[in-house]
């Protein structure tokens, strides 16, 4: 490629392992191209190898300062070029694997492996943060605790594999219905929790009722021998009231509302204020 803008755009659109840049481009500044590639998030870690004249030490130093990975002096020896290219590509692929493994480990630390929702540990941390935000900014906050009705008979009758599919399908439906700013978690067994930032208690109740209806409306086709299963949930709703609310206090109020929903016949929503 002879046009720097074309090179930048191509690197933003396509995954490359290495870019080789001549600092002696006609009518263009090779250092500027290096700087542009380093300025974008997608190409910030992309290995750059420059070709430079032996006497051009000033521009070589500037290139190294801005993060160029390696260089070759003119005239270019083919064997040396091949060796340096291979080295940079190997380093990049090794670094990519490390970065992917770290990201995967971080995701596993906060994610429930069965449903893909956030886990209890992540929920505990984030709920504390949301309570601080509500306390300092005066913004509303609601939480929903949700429990699958008669889940034990599902496992006993159809087996744990079907029970796991029910939980996964429930998680999928929940994720489809909540906002991106909402926190949807599986906190244990068949119990789930949804944190709704910026949401008044009455609105939280409306959200919970909508979720309850959506879950009950369509049977779960999860491979049970008897066909799709009619699944319902009970939901307890609680809202932030004052700076005295801790995660434990708020969760206790939501759990109390959930237990009231269970005692009242299941497949219903009960608010802490009811």
Protein backbone atom coordinates (compact mmCIF):
# COMPACT_ATOMS: atom_id res chain seq x y z
CA UNK A 1 0.00 0.00 0.00
CA UNK A 2 1.28 3.46 -0.88
CA UNK A 3 -1.36 5.65 0.75
CA UNK A 4 -1.05 5.92 4.58
CA UNK A 5 -4.78 6.61 5.01
CA UNK A 6 -5.56 3.44 3.08
CA UNK A 7 -3.18 1.48 5.30
CA UNK A 8 -4.78 2.82 8.49
CA UNK A 9 -8.32 2.08 7.30
CA UNK A 10 -7.37 -1.42 6.16
CA UNK A 11 -5.83 -2.19 9.56
CA UNK A 12 -8.96 -0.96 11.31
CA UNK A 13 -11.14 -3.23 9.16
CA UNK A 14 -8.94 -6.34 9.03
CA UNK A 15 -6.88 -8.32 11.53
CA UNK A 16 -3.15 -8.36 10.74
CA UNK A 17 -0.22 -9.85 12.63
CA UNK A 18 2.37 -7.27 11.55
CA UNK A 19 2.78 -4.03 9.61
CA UNK A 20 6.04 -3.16 7.83
CA UNK A 21 6.52 0.56 7.22
CA UNK A 22 9.20 2.31 5.22
CA UNK A 23 10.24 5.66 6.64
CA UNK A 24 11.13 6.78 3.12
CA UNK A 25 7.64 6.89 1.66
CA UNK A 26 7.37 9.31 -1.24
CA UNK A 27 5.29 12.37 -0.34
CA UNK A 28 4.27 10.81 2.99
CA UNK A 29 5.60 10.73 6.53
CA UNK A 30 6.22 7.16 7.69
CA UNK A 31 6.48 8.32 11.31
CA UNK A 32 3.03 9.87 11.09
CA UNK A 33 1.64 6.55 9.90
CA UNK A 34 3.26 4.81 12.88
CA UNK A 35 1.74 7.40 15.22
CA UNK A 36 -1.72 6.98 13.68
CA UNK A 37 -1.62 3.21 14.07
CA UNK A 38 -0.61 3.61 17.70
CA UNK A 39 -3.45 6.07 18.36
CA UNK A 40 -6.31 3.63 17.65
CA UNK A 41 -7.37 1.07 20.24
CA UNK A 42 -7.58 -1.74 17.69
CA UNK A 43 -4.04 -1.23 16.35
CA UNK A 44 -2.35 -0.04 19.54
CA UNK A 45 -0.79 -3.45 20.20
CA UNK A 46 -0.16 -4.32 16.53
CA UNK A 47 3.57 -5.02 15.91
CA UNK A 48 5.24 -2.40 13.72
CA UNK A 49 8.51 -3.07 11.90
CA UNK A 50 10.12 -0.10 10.16
CA UNK A 51 12.68 0.06 7.37
CA UNK A 52 15.09 2.95 7.80
CA UNK A 53 18.38 4.22 6.36
CA UNK A 54 21.42 3.54 8.60
CA UNK A 55 22.26 7.24 8.88
CA UNK A 56 18.69 8.25 9.82
CA UNK A 57 19.21 7.67 13.56
CA UNK A 58 17.08 10.65 14.61
CA UNK A 59 13.91 9.32 13.02
CA UNK A 60 14.74 5.80 14.20
CA UNK A 61 14.87 7.05 17.81
CA UNK A 62 11.55 8.88 17.38
CA UNK A 63 9.98 5.72 15.97
CA UNK A 64 11.20 3.62 18.89
CA UNK A 65 9.94 6.25 21.33
CA UNK A 66 6.43 6.02 19.90
CA UNK A 67 6.39 2.24 20.30
CA UNK A 68 7.70 0.71 17.08
CA UNK A 69 8.63 -2.89 17.85
CA UNK A 70 11.64 -3.48 15.57
CA UNK A 71 13.57 -2.04 12.64
CA UNK A 72 15.70 -2.99 9.66
CA UNK A 73 18.44 -0.95 8.02
CA UNK A 74 18.69 -0.58 4.29
CA UNK A 75 19.65 -2.45 2.23
CA UNK A 76 17.28 -5.09 3.56
CA UNK A 77 18.60 -8.63 3.85
CA UNK A 78 15.85 -11.12 3.02
CA UNK A 79 16.93 -13.64 5.62
CA UNK A 80 17.07 -11.00 8.35
CA UNK A 81 13.67 -9.67 7.28
CA UNK A 82 12.15 -13.15 7.48
CA UNK A 83 13.67 -13.78 10.91
CA UNK A 84 12.47 -10.47 12.37
CA UNK A 85 8.99 -10.89 10.89
CA UNK A 86 8.69 -14.40 12.34
CA UNK A 87 9.85 -13.20 15.74
CA UNK A 88 7.31 -10.38 15.88
CA UNK A 89 4.44 -12.59 14.71
CA UNK A 90 5.29 -15.27 17.28
CA UNK A 91 5.41 -12.65 20.05
CA UNK A 92 2.08 -11.18 18.97
CA UNK A 93 0.31 -14.52 18.86
CA UNK A 94 1.73 -15.49 22.24
CA UNK A 95 0.60 -12.14 23.71
CA UNK A 96 -2.83 -12.56 22.13
CA UNK A 97 -3.19 -15.97 23.77
CA UNK A 98 -2.18 -14.54 27.15
CA UNK A 99 -4.64 -11.66 26.78
CA UNK A 100 -7.43 -14.04 25.80
CA UNK A 101 -6.67 -16.33 28.74
CA UNK A 102 -6.66 -13.42 31.17
CA UNK A 103 -9.97 -12.13 29.79
CA UNK A 104 -11.46 -15.61 30.02
CA UNK A 105 -10.24 -16.01 33.61
CA UNK A 106 -11.71 -12.64 34.57
CA UNK A 107 -15.02 -13.56 32.96
CA UNK A 108 -15.10 -16.92 34.74
CA UNK A 109 -14.48 -15.18 38.06
CA UNK A 110 -17.72 -13.17 37.74
CA UNK A 111 -19.89 -15.48 35.62
CA UNK A 112 -22.14 -18.39 36.48
CA UNK A 113 -20.88 -21.24 34.25
CA UNK A 114 -24.31 -22.78 33.62
CA UNK A 115 -26.36 -19.74 32.64
CA UNK A 116 -23.75 -17.19 31.60
CA UNK A 117 -25.28 -14.66 33.99
CA UNK A 118 -23.23 -12.87 36.63
CA UNK A 119 -22.55 -14.84 39.79
CA UNK A 120 -23.18 -14.09 43.47
CA UNK A 121 -19.70 -12.68 44.05
CA UNK A 122 -20.06 -10.13 41.28
CA UNK A 123 -23.57 -9.24 42.42
CA UNK A 124 -22.37 -8.56 45.97
CA UNK A 125 -19.74 -6.11 44.72
CA UNK A 126 -21.97 -4.35 42.21
CA UNK A 127 -24.94 -4.03 44.56
CA UNK A 128 -22.71 -2.29 47.08
CA UNK A 129 -21.56 0.14 44.37
CA UNK A 130 -25.15 0.84 43.29
CA UNK A 131 -26.20 1.53 46.87
CA UNK A 132 -23.37 4.04 47.25
CA UNK A 133 -24.53 5.74 44.03
CA UNK A 134 -28.09 5.89 45.31
CA UNK A 135 -26.93 7.31 48.63
CA UNK A 136 -24.66 9.99 47.16
CA UNK A 137 -26.77 10.97 44.15
CA UNK A 138 -30.25 10.34 45.47
CA UNK A 139 -31.06 8.06 42.54
CA UNK A 140 -33.64 5.26 42.97
CA UNK A 141 -32.70 1.59 42.94
CA UNK A 142 -34.79 -1.57 42.89
CA UNK A 143 -33.91 -5.24 43.06
CA UNK A 144 -35.89 -8.33 42.08
CA UNK A 145 -35.36 -11.76 43.63
CA UNK A 146 -36.79 -14.47 41.42
CA UNK A 147 -37.31 -18.15 42.18
CA UNK A 148 -38.52 -20.95 39.88
CA UNK A 149 -41.75 -22.45 41.20
CA UNK A 150 -41.73 -26.19 41.94
CA UNK A 151 -38.21 -26.64 40.60
CA UNK A 152 -37.37 -29.69 42.72
CA UNK A 153 -40.19 -31.79 41.15
CA UNK A 154 -38.83 -30.83 37.73
CA UNK A 155 -35.44 -32.28 38.64
CA UNK A 156 -36.99 -35.31 40.33
CA UNK A 157 -39.32 -36.09 37.42
CA UNK A 158 -37.26 -35.16 34.38
CA UNK A 159 -33.68 -35.30 35.65
CA UNK A 160 -31.05 -32.69 36.39
CA UNK A 161 -30.12 -32.27 32.74
CA UNK A 162 -33.62 -31.02 31.95
CA UNK A 163 -33.52 -28.90 35.10
CA UNK A 164 -30.30 -27.28 33.92
CA UNK A 165 -31.88 -26.53 30.53
CA UNK A 166 -34.78 -24.86 32.30
CA UNK A 167 -32.36 -22.59 34.15
CA UNK A 168 -30.46 -21.76 30.96
CA UNK A 169 -33.67 -20.95 29.06
CA UNK A 170 -34.89 -18.82 31.96
CA UNK A 171 -31.59 -16.94 31.97
CA UNK A 172 -31.91 -16.34 28.23
CA UNK A 173 -35.39 -14.89 28.60
CA UNK A 174 -34.31 -12.67 31.46
CA UNK A 175 -31.32 -11.31 29.51
CA UNK A 176 -33.56 -10.53 26.56
CA UNK A 177 -35.89 -8.43 28.69
CA UNK A 178 -33.57 -6.37 30.89
CA UNK A 179 -31.66 -3.23 29.95
CA UNK A 180 -27.93 -3.20 29.37
CA UNK A 181 -27.44 -1.22 32.60
CA UNK A 182 -29.36 -3.81 34.65
CA UNK A 183 -27.46 -6.54 36.47
CA UNK A 184 -28.89 -10.03 35.99
CA UNK A 185 -27.41 -12.72 38.27
CA UNK A 186 -27.89 -16.30 39.30
CA UNK A 187 -27.28 -16.34 43.02
CA UNK A 188 -27.76 -20.03 43.69
CA UNK A 189 -29.80 -23.04 42.65
CA UNK A 190 -33.01 -21.84 40.98
CA UNK A 191 -32.79 -18.34 42.47
CA UNK A 192 -31.95 -15.25 40.44
CA UNK A 193 -31.52 -11.58 41.22
CA UNK A 194 -31.88 -8.53 39.00
CA UNK A 195 -30.53 -5.11 40.02
CA UNK A 196 -32.34 -2.18 38.39
CA UNK A 197 -30.37 1.08 38.74
CA UNK A 198 -32.35 4.32 38.50
CA UNK A 199 -35.64 2.47 39.00
CA UNK A 200 -38.37 3.40 41.48
CA UNK A 201 -40.02 0.60 43.46
CA UNK A 202 -43.31 0.83 41.56
CA UNK A 203 -41.50 0.66 38.23
CA UNK A 204 -39.52 -2.31 39.53
CA UNK A 205 -42.81 -4.01 40.37
CA UNK A 206 -44.03 -3.37 36.80
CA UNK A 207 -40.81 -4.82 35.38
CA UNK A 208 -41.16 -7.90 37.59
CA UNK A 209 -44.77 -8.44 36.56
CA UNK A 210 -43.79 -8.20 32.89
CA UNK A 211 -41.03 -10.78 33.41
CA UNK A 212 -43.43 -13.09 35.25
CA UNK A 213 -45.95 -12.97 32.40
CA UNK A 214 -43.32 -13.51 29.69
CA UNK A 215 -41.87 -16.54 31.49
CA UNK A 216 -45.30 -18.11 32.06
CA UNK A 217 -46.64 -17.35 28.59
CA UNK A 218 -44.52 -19.79 26.57
CA UNK A 219 -43.73 -23.34 27.84
CA UNK A 220 -40.06 -24.28 28.02
CA UNK A 221 -39.07 -26.68 25.24
CA UNK A 222 -36.12 -28.27 27.04
CA UNK A 223 -36.24 -31.88 25.88
CA UNK A 224 -38.50 -33.29 28.57
CA UNK A 225 -40.09 -36.60 27.53
CA UNK A 226 -43.55 -35.21 28.27
CA UNK A 227 -43.03 -32.22 25.98
CA UNK A 228 -42.58 -28.49 26.73
CA UNK A 229 -42.84 -27.63 30.43
CA UNK A 230 -45.04 -24.91 31.90
CA UNK A 231 -42.66 -22.89 34.06
CA UNK A 232 -43.64 -20.09 36.41
CA UNK A 233 -41.67 -17.90 38.79
CA UNK A 234 -42.32 -16.00 41.98
CA UNK A 235 -40.67 -12.60 42.37
CA UNK A 236 -39.99 -10.34 45.33
CA UNK A 237 -39.31 -6.63 44.79
CA UNK A 238 -37.53 -4.21 47.12
CA UNK A 239 -36.28 -0.67 46.68
CA UNK A 240 -33.62 1.57 48.16
CA UNK A 241 -35.06 3.64 51.02
CA UNK A 242 -32.25 5.33 52.93
CA UNK A 243 -28.53 5.37 53.67
CA UNK A 244 -29.22 2.71 56.31
CA UNK A 245 -29.80 0.20 53.51
CA UNK A 246 -26.93 -2.23 53.13
CA UNK A 247 -26.86 -5.00 50.53
CA UNK A 248 -27.89 -7.44 53.25
CA UNK A 249 -30.83 -5.28 54.37
CA UNK A 250 -32.08 -4.76 50.82
CA UNK A 251 -31.72 -8.44 49.94
CA UNK A 252 -33.56 -9.41 53.13
CA UNK A 253 -36.52 -7.23 52.19
CA UNK A 254 -36.60 -8.67 48.66
CA UNK A 255 -36.34 -12.22 50.03
CA UNK A 256 -39.18 -11.57 52.49
CA UNK A 257 -41.33 -10.35 49.60
CA UNK A 258 -40.37 -13.44 47.58
CA UNK A 259 -41.35 -15.77 50.41
CA UNK A 260 -44.67 -13.94 50.70
CA UNK A 261 -45.22 -14.54 46.97
CA UNK A 262 -44.48 -18.23 47.51
CA UNK A 263 -46.85 -18.49 50.46
CA UNK A 264 -49.58 -16.68 48.51
CA UNK A 265 -49.70 -19.36 45.83
CA UNK A 266 -46.65 -18.76 43.64
CA UNK A 267 -46.55 -17.38 40.08
CA UNK A 268 -46.92 -13.86 41.39
CA UNK A 269 -45.01 -10.69 42.24
CA UNK A 270 -44.96 -9.19 45.73
CA UNK A 271 -43.45 -5.82 46.58
CA UNK A 272 -41.71 -5.06 49.85
CA UNK A 273 -44.08 -2.07 50.17
CA UNK A 274 -47.20 -4.22 49.69
